Amino acid sequence: MGIQVSNFLHVADGLQANQFTVGGRDAVNSLDDLDPIYKQLIDGPFHANFGVMGNDGRINITPMWFDYEADKVLVNVATQRKKVEWIRKHPELSILIVNPQNMYHWISIKCHVEREILEDDPDEGAKVTAQLDKIWTKYTGNEPPYGLRDPSIDERRVLFVCAIDRIATFGRP
């Protein structure tokens, strides 16, 4: 089936007719199959802007760490955060990762939650903790374990496993 990738015409080669419109469409089976120009954005320690519908009907946008496996986006959130309620109520997410050195180089991913895994789950909970430790190291360079758990509570995590609906790409580094 594949994931549709819309490649926008960009300005890296100078002015052109119909710039900023979709110049072509491709399909990939996994995020690993993305053009390396865009894959570096999801593999690097670039924060992702996550958009989810809040209770007031407006999009809430939050910078977060980004992770994926094959054709799934992984969203790891502390269960006490309001965002967990919003994701459960509106399980569609929009993600934008912008190259911090060039705002005209970005990737946008639209996805929806397929399932969630609680850190306390006896069968799969260890995966939630391992994934959190992995992105902790990716973004901070520190060894596990994840070092930002709220010390005032017994912070627990939930991992939302999201299927990708479509991707849009723009620009070059």
C-alpha atoms as a PDB file:
ATOM      1  CA  MET A   1       0.000   0.000   0.000  1.00  0.00           C
ATOM      2  CA  GLY A   2       2.644   2.531   1.022  1.00  0.00           C
ATOM      3  CA  ILE A   3       2.681   6.007   2.494  1.00  0.00           C
ATOM      4  CA  GLN A   4       1.988   8.914   0.146  1.00  0.00           C
ATOM      5  CA  VAL A   5       4.740  11.530   0.093  1.00  0.00           C
ATOM      6  CA  SER A   6       3.904  14.889  -1.476  1.00  0.00           C
ATOM      7  CA  ASN A   7       7.065  16.701  -2.530  1.00  0.00           C
ATOM      8  CA  PHE A   8       6.534  20.443  -2.691  1.00  0.00           C
ATOM      9  CA  LEU A   9       8.382  22.541  -5.250  1.00  0.00           C
ATOM     10  CA  HIS A  10      10.835  24.633  -3.280  1.00  0.00           C
ATOM     11  CA  VAL A  11      13.014  27.651  -3.823  1.00  0.00           C
ATOM     12  CA  ALA A  12      16.426  26.024  -3.373  1.00  0.00           C
ATOM     13  CA  ASP A  13      17.034  26.231  -7.130  1.00  0.00           C
ATOM     14  CA  GLY A  14      15.704  29.778  -7.456  1.00  0.00           C
ATOM     15  CA  LEU A  15      12.350  31.125  -8.569  1.00  0.00           C
ATOM     16  CA  GLN A  16      10.134  28.794 -10.580  1.00  0.00           C
ATOM     17  CA  ALA A  17       6.570  28.618 -11.810  1.00  0.00           C
ATOM     18  CA  ASN A  18       4.142  27.120  -9.277  1.00  0.00           C
ATOM     19  CA  GLN A  19       6.678  27.139  -6.465  1.00  0.00           C
ATOM     20  CA  PHE A  20       5.257  26.120  -3.072  1.00  0.00           C
ATOM     21  CA  THR A  21       2.835  23.682  -4.741  1.00  0.00           C
ATOM     22  CA  VAL A  22       3.104  19.910  -4.907  1.00  0.00           C
ATOM     23  CA  GLY A  23       5.595  19.066  -7.619  1.00  0.00           C
ATOM     24  CA  GLY A  24       5.390  15.314  -7.370  1.00  0.00           C
ATOM     25  CA  ARG A  25       4.102  12.409  -5.363  1.00  0.00           C
ATOM     26  CA  ASP A  26       5.909   9.274  -4.337  1.00  0.00           C
ATOM     27  CA  ALA A  27       5.151   6.363  -2.077  1.00  0.00           C
ATOM     28  CA  VAL A  28       7.344   4.797   0.575  1.00  0.00           C
ATOM     29  CA  ASN A  29       6.729   1.681   2.637  1.00  0.00           C
ATOM     30  CA  SER A  30       8.538   2.969   5.700  1.00  0.00           C
ATOM     31  CA  LEU A  31      10.188   6.111   7.000  1.00  0.00           C
ATOM     32  CA  ASP A  32      13.482   4.334   6.344  1.00  0.00           C
ATOM     33  CA  ASP A  33      12.685   4.643   2.613  1.00  0.00           C
ATOM     34  CA  LEU A  34      12.482   8.450   2.646  1.00  0.00           C
ATOM     35  CA  ASP A  35      14.873  10.478   0.527  1.00  0.00           C
ATOM     36  CA  PRO A  36      17.989  11.023   2.702  1.00  0.00           C
ATOM     37  CA  ILE A  37      17.433  14.783   2.443  1.00  0.00           C
ATOM     38  CA  TYR A  38      14.314  14.370   4.598  1.00  0.00           C
ATOM     39  CA  LYS A  39      15.292  11.274   6.544  1.00  0.00           C
ATOM     40  CA  GLN A  40      18.049  13.273   8.230  1.00  0.00           C
ATOM     41  CA  LEU A  41      15.333  15.448   9.774  1.00  0.00           C
ATOM     42  CA  ILE A  42      13.651  12.493  11.489  1.00  0.00           C
ATOM     43  CA  ASP A  43      16.934  10.819  12.434  1.00  0.00           C
ATOM     44  CA  GLY A  44      18.639  13.898  13.835  1.00  0.00           C
ATOM     45  CA  PRO A  45      18.010  15.404  17.233  1.00  0.00           C
ATOM     46  CA  PHE A  46      15.657  18.028  15.770  1.00  0.00           C
ATOM     47  CA  HIS A  47      12.573  18.728  17.836  1.00  0.00           C
ATOM     48  CA  ALA A  48       9.214  18.038  16.265  1.00  0.00           C
ATOM     49  CA  ASN A  49       6.208  20.327  16.594  1.00  0.00           C
ATOM     50  CA  PHE A  50       3.263  18.072  17.479  1.00  0.00           C
ATOM     51  CA  GLY A  51      -0.255  19.347  16.843  1.00  0.00           C
ATOM     52  CA  VAL A  52      -3.281  17.779  18.515  1.00  0.00           C
ATOM     53  CA  MET A  53      -6.825  19.077  19.031  1.00  0.00           C
ATOM     54  CA  GLY A  54      -7.356  20.483  22.524  1.00  0.00           C
ATOM     55  CA  ASN A  55     -10.579  20.536  24.521  1.00  0.00           C
ATOM     56  CA  ASP A  56     -11.387  24.058  23.338  1.00  0.00           C
ATOM     57  CA  GLY A  57     -11.439  22.981  19.682  1.00  0.00           C
ATOM     58  CA  ARG A  58      -8.112  24.628  18.835  1.00  0.00           C
ATOM     59  CA  ILE A  59      -4.899  22.936  17.827  1.00  0.00           C
ATOM     60  CA  ASN A  60      -2.358  22.663  20.631  1.00  0.00           C
ATOM     61  CA  ILE A  61       1.203  22.697  19.282  1.00  0.00           C
ATOM     62  CA  THR A  62       4.039  21.414  21.421  1.00  0.00           C
ATOM     63  CA  PRO A  63       7.727  20.872  20.654  1.00  0.00           C
ATOM     64  CA  MET A  64       8.595  17.264  21.470  1.00  0.00           C
ATOM     65  CA  TRP A  65      11.214  14.631  20.822  1.00  0.00           C
ATOM     66  CA  PHE A  66      10.574  12.531  17.725  1.00  0.00           C
ATOM     67  CA  ASP A  67      10.951   8.799  17.224  1.00  0.00           C
ATOM     68  CA  TYR A  68       9.739   6.165  14.800  1.00  0.00           C
ATOM     69  CA  GLU A  69      10.008   2.514  13.859  1.00  0.00           C
ATOM     70  CA  ALA A  70       9.530   1.555  10.204  1.00  0.00           C
ATOM     71  CA  ASP A  71       6.111   2.968   9.232  1.00  0.00           C
ATOM     72  CA  LYS A  72       5.016   4.020  12.751  1.00  0.00           C
ATOM     73  CA  VAL A  73       5.533   7.264  14.650  1.00  0.00           C
ATOM     74  CA  LEU A  74       6.125   6.738  18.378  1.00  0.00           C
ATOM     75  CA  VAL A  75       4.822   9.382  20.786  1.00  0.00           C
ATOM     76  CA  ASN A  76       5.928   8.917  24.410  1.00  0.00           C
ATOM     77  CA  VAL A  77       4.090  11.102  26.948  1.00  0.00           C
ATOM     78  CA  ALA A  78       3.815  11.243  30.740  1.00  0.00           C
ATOM     79  CA  THR A  79       0.327   9.997  31.608  1.00  0.00           C
ATOM     80  CA  GLN A  80      -0.501  12.950  33.875  1.00  0.00           C
ATOM     81  CA  ARG A  81      -0.161  15.474  31.037  1.00  0.00           C
ATOM     82  CA  LYS A  82      -3.255  17.015  29.474  1.00  0.00           C
ATOM     83  CA  LYS A  83      -1.937  16.015  26.047  1.00  0.00           C
ATOM     84  CA  VAL A  84      -2.725  12.353  26.818  1.00  0.00           C
ATOM     85  CA  GLU A  85      -6.422  13.189  27.268  1.00  0.00           C
ATOM     86  CA  TRP A  86      -6.442  15.225  24.061  1.00  0.00           C
ATOM     87  CA  ILE A  87      -4.760  12.466  22.034  1.00  0.00           C
ATOM     88  CA  ARG A  88      -7.213   9.890  23.339  1.00  0.00           C
ATOM     89  CA  LYS A  89     -10.160  12.147  22.480  1.00  0.00           C
ATOM     90  CA  HIS A  90      -8.797  13.194  19.047  1.00  0.00           C
ATOM     91  CA  PRO A  91      -6.280  10.537  17.967  1.00  0.00           C
ATOM     92  CA  GLU A  92      -5.081  12.419  14.876  1.00  0.00           C
ATOM     93  CA  LEU A  93      -1.700  14.139  15.073  1.00  0.00           C
ATOM     94  CA  SER A  94       0.160  16.518  12.796  1.00  0.00           C
ATOM     95  CA  ILE A  95       3.925  16.718  13.098  1.00  0.00           C
ATOM     96  CA  LEU A  96       6.309  19.269  11.614  1.00  0.00           C
ATOM     97  CA  ILE A  97      10.092  18.996  11.801  1.00  0.00           C
ATOM     98  CA  VAL A  98      11.982  22.037  10.511  1.00  0.00           C
ATOM     99  CA  ASN A  99      15.712  22.128   9.900  1.00  0.00           C
ATOM    100  CA  PRO A 100      16.964  24.648  12.499  1.00  0.00           C
ATOM    101  CA  GLN A 101      19.568  25.885  10.010  1.00  0.00           C
ATOM    102  CA  ASN A 102      17.100  26.390   7.130  1.00  0.00           C
ATOM    103  CA  MET A 103      13.384  26.971   7.638  1.00  0.00           C
ATOM    104  CA  TYR A 104      12.841  26.119   3.963  1.00  0.00           C
ATOM    105  CA  HIS A 105      13.771  22.485   4.638  1.00  0.00           C
ATOM    106  CA  TRP A 106      11.077  20.529   6.468  1.00  0.00           C
ATOM    107  CA  ILE A 107       8.952  17.415   6.676  1.00  0.00           C
ATOM    108  CA  SER A 108       5.330  17.215   7.774  1.00  0.00           C
ATOM    109  CA  ILE A 109       3.712  13.965   8.888  1.00  0.00           C
ATOM    110  CA  LYS A 110       0.017  13.363   9.459  1.00  0.00           C
ATOM    111  CA  CYS A 111      -0.771  10.260  11.467  1.00  0.00           C
ATOM    112  CA  HIS A 112      -3.334   8.637  13.717  1.00  0.00           C
ATOM    113  CA  VAL A 113      -3.041   6.536  16.853  1.00  0.00           C
ATOM    114  CA  GLU A 114      -3.337   2.812  16.180  1.00  0.00           C
ATOM    115  CA  ARG A 115      -2.786   1.740  19.743  1.00  0.00           C
ATOM    116  CA  GLU A 116      -1.307   2.780  23.037  1.00  0.00           C
ATOM    117  CA  ILE A 117       0.975   0.942  25.408  1.00  0.00           C
ATOM    118  CA  LEU A 118       1.130   1.816  29.093  1.00  0.00           C
ATOM    119  CA  GLU A 119       4.462   1.629  30.858  1.00  0.00           C
ATOM    120  CA  ASP A 120       2.817  -0.519  33.554  1.00  0.00           C
ATOM    121  CA  ASP A 121       1.612  -3.110  31.040  1.00  0.00           C
ATOM    122  CA  PRO A 122       3.070  -6.451  32.191  1.00  0.00           C
ATOM    123  CA  ASP A 123       3.681  -7.667  28.630  1.00  0.00           C
ATOM    124  CA  GLU A 124       4.777  -4.560  26.713  1.00  0.00           C
ATOM    125  CA  GLY A 125       5.520  -1.916  29.353  1.00  0.00           C
ATOM    126  CA  ALA A 126       9.275  -2.413  29.117  1.00  0.00           C
ATOM    127  CA  LYS A 127       9.079  -1.241  25.477  1.00  0.00           C
ATOM    128  CA  VAL A 128       7.742   2.133  26.651  1.00  0.00           C
ATOM    129  CA  THR A 129      10.641   2.616  29.063  1.00  0.00           C
ATOM    130  CA  ALA A 130      13.225   1.441  26.513  1.00  0.00           C
ATOM    131  CA  GLN A 131      11.875   3.792  23.850  1.00  0.00           C
ATOM    132  CA  LEU A 132      11.968   6.702  26.339  1.00  0.00           C
ATOM    133  CA  ASP A 133      15.572   5.891  27.226  1.00  0.00           C
ATOM    134  CA  LYS A 134      16.425   5.731  23.508  1.00  0.00           C
ATOM    135  CA  ILE A 135      15.111   9.215  22.753  1.00  0.00           C
ATOM    136  CA  TRP A 136      16.631  10.559  25.972  1.00  0.00           C
ATOM    137  CA  THR A 137      20.032   9.530  24.615  1.00  0.00           C
ATOM    138  CA  LYS A 138      19.233  10.770  21.079  1.00  0.00           C
ATOM    139  CA  TYR A 139      18.309  14.262  22.269  1.00  0.00           C
ATOM    140  CA  THR A 140      20.586  14.781  25.269  1.00  0.00           C
ATOM    141  CA  GLY A 141      23.567  12.522  24.585  1.00  0.00           C
ATOM    142  CA  ASN A 142      23.183  11.162  28.128  1.00  0.00           C
ATOM    143  CA  GLU A 143      23.161   7.497  29.021  1.00  0.00           C
ATOM    144  CA  PRO A 144      19.887   5.937  30.195  1.00  0.00           C
ATOM    145  CA  PRO A 145      17.810   6.043  32.211  1.00  0.00           C
ATOM    146  CA  TYR A 146      15.634   8.996  31.194  1.00  0.00           C
ATOM    147  CA  GLY A 147      16.507  11.749  33.638  1.00  0.00           C
ATOM    148  CA  LEU A 148      13.486  14.061  33.614  1.00  0.00           C
ATOM    149  CA  ARG A 149      10.816  12.080  35.458  1.00  0.00           C
ATOM    150  CA  ASP A 150       8.801  14.333  37.742  1.00  0.00           C
ATOM    151  CA  PRO A 151      10.236  13.681  41.231  1.00  0.00           C
ATOM    152  CA  SER A 152       7.033  14.809  42.972  1.00  0.00           C
ATOM    153  CA  ILE A 153       4.956  11.915  41.599  1.00  0.00           C
ATOM    154  CA  ASP A 154       5.359   8.347  40.421  1.00  0.00           C
ATOM    155  CA  GLU A 155       5.514   9.475  36.786  1.00  0.00           C
ATOM    156  CA  ARG A 156       4.309   6.821  34.381  1.00  0.00           C
ATOM    157  CA  ARG A 157       4.464   6.946  30.587  1.00  0.00           C
ATOM    158  CA  VAL A 158       2.231   5.978  27.686  1.00  0.00           C
ATOM    159  CA  LEU A 159       3.500   5.193  24.194  1.00  0.00           C
ATOM    160  CA  PHE A 160       1.142   6.046  21.348  1.00  0.00           C
ATOM    161  CA  VAL A 161       1.958   3.970  18.266  1.00  0.00           C
ATOM    162  CA  CYS A 162       0.770   5.976  15.264  1.00  0.00           C
ATOM    163  CA  ALA A 163       0.157   4.906  11.665  1.00  0.00           C
ATOM    164  CA  ILE A 164       1.238   7.422   9.052  1.00  0.00           C
ATOM    165  CA  ASP A 165      -1.495   8.776   6.799  1.00  0.00           C
ATOM    166  CA  ARG A 166       0.652  10.994   4.587  1.00  0.00           C
ATOM    167  CA  ILE A 167       3.848  12.992   4.420  1.00  0.00           C
ATOM    168  CA  ALA A 168       4.778  16.319   2.836  1.00  0.00           C
ATOM    169  CA  THR A 169       8.366  17.417   2.175  1.00  0.00           C
ATOM    170  CA  PHE A 170       9.944  20.714   1.259  1.00  0.00           C
ATOM    171  CA  GLY A 171      13.399  22.028   0.466  1.00  0.00           C
ATOM    172  CA  ARG A 172      16.962  20.923   0.946  1.00  0.00           C
ATOM    173  CA  PRO A 173      19.486  21.470   3.743  1.00  0.00           C
END
